[in-house]
Structures are given as structure tokens and as C-alpha cells.
Amino acid sequence: MVKCTFCGEMIKEGTGKMFVQKDAKILYFCNGKCEKNMLKLKRKPYNVRWSGRYKKK
């Protein structure tokens, strides 16, 4: 089991997506919502309230 790169939730075996960047960095996503927020919308998980990695100020 691995953690989602964006929200930090555990991903069960056989589910989720693995994305390999051009610099050979591997990103794991639990669903399309996390994938779209990080790759397409270029959001940081520390600024998104529903993310498990959100930092309260």
C-alpha cells in the first residue's frame, strides 16, 4: 500500500493511478480529483482544505 501524493490517503492494491514525470519522479493518485488538482490545475496540497496535507494557519 502506498500513499496518495496529493491528499495523503492510503491506496489499496489494484486501485489508483501511478504517474511518472519526465524527471523520473513517481506520483501516486487515489482518484481523478487528486490527479487533476495536482497536474492540470497545479494546486499545492498544503493550500487545499479537503486535502489531508492541509496546513492550518
Protein backbone atom coordinates (compact mmCIF):
# COMPACT_ATOMS: atom_id res chain seq x y z
CA MET A 1 0.00 0.00 0.00
CA VAL A 2 1.21 3.48 -0.90
CA LYS A 3 0.04 6.98 -0.03
CA CYS A 4 -1.59 9.39 -2.46
CA THR A 5 0.89 12.11 -3.39
CA PHE A 6 -1.78 14.82 -3.15
CA CYS A 7 -4.13 14.02 -0.26
CA GLY A 8 -2.04 11.54 1.73
CA GLU A 9 -4.67 8.75 1.91
CA MET A 10 -3.60 5.13 1.67
CA ILE A 11 -4.27 3.49 -1.73
CA LYS A 12 -5.36 -0.14 -1.80
CA GLU A 13 -3.64 -2.67 -4.07
CA GLY A 14 -5.02 -2.66 -7.62
CA THR A 15 -6.60 0.80 -7.40
CA GLY A 16 -5.43 4.35 -8.12
CA LYS A 17 -3.02 5.65 -10.73
CA MET A 18 0.75 5.91 -10.98
CA PHE A 19 2.13 8.86 -12.97
CA VAL A 20 5.80 9.08 -13.98
CA GLN A 21 7.12 12.57 -14.71
CA LYS A 22 9.86 13.35 -17.24
CA ASP A 23 12.41 13.67 -14.45
CA ALA A 24 11.58 10.07 -13.36
CA LYS A 25 9.66 11.20 -10.25
CA ILE A 26 6.77 8.84 -9.47
CA LEU A 27 3.43 10.27 -8.32
CA TYR A 28 0.57 8.14 -6.95
CA PHE A 29 -3.07 9.27 -7.02
CA CYS A 30 -6.08 7.71 -5.32
CA ASN A 31 -8.65 9.23 -7.71
CA GLY A 32 -9.12 11.63 -10.61
CA LYS A 33 -9.85 14.54 -8.29
CA CYS A 34 -6.37 14.42 -6.76
CA GLU A 35 -4.73 13.87 -10.14
CA LYS A 36 -6.48 16.82 -11.78
CA ASN A 37 -5.79 19.20 -8.88
CA MET A 38 -2.06 18.46 -8.92
CA LEU A 39 -1.26 18.01 -12.61
CA LYS A 40 -3.78 20.11 -14.53
CA LEU A 41 -4.71 22.83 -12.03
CA LYS A 42 -1.21 22.88 -10.45
CA ARG A 43 -2.51 23.23 -6.89
CA LYS A 44 -0.39 22.57 -3.82
CA PRO A 45 -1.88 20.03 -1.37
CA TYR A 46 -0.95 22.31 1.55
CA ASN A 47 -3.39 25.01 0.35
CA VAL A 48 -6.44 22.81 -0.40
CA ARG A 49 -8.77 22.40 2.60
CA TRP A 50 -10.10 18.91 1.80
CA SER A 51 -6.59 17.53 1.43
CA GLY A 52 -5.13 15.53 4.30
CA ARG A 53 -1.91 17.56 3.95
CA TYR A 54 -3.63 20.91 4.53
CA LYS A 55 -1.73 23.17 6.94
CA LYS A 56 -3.88 25.29 9.22
CA LYS A 57 -2.59 28.78 9.93
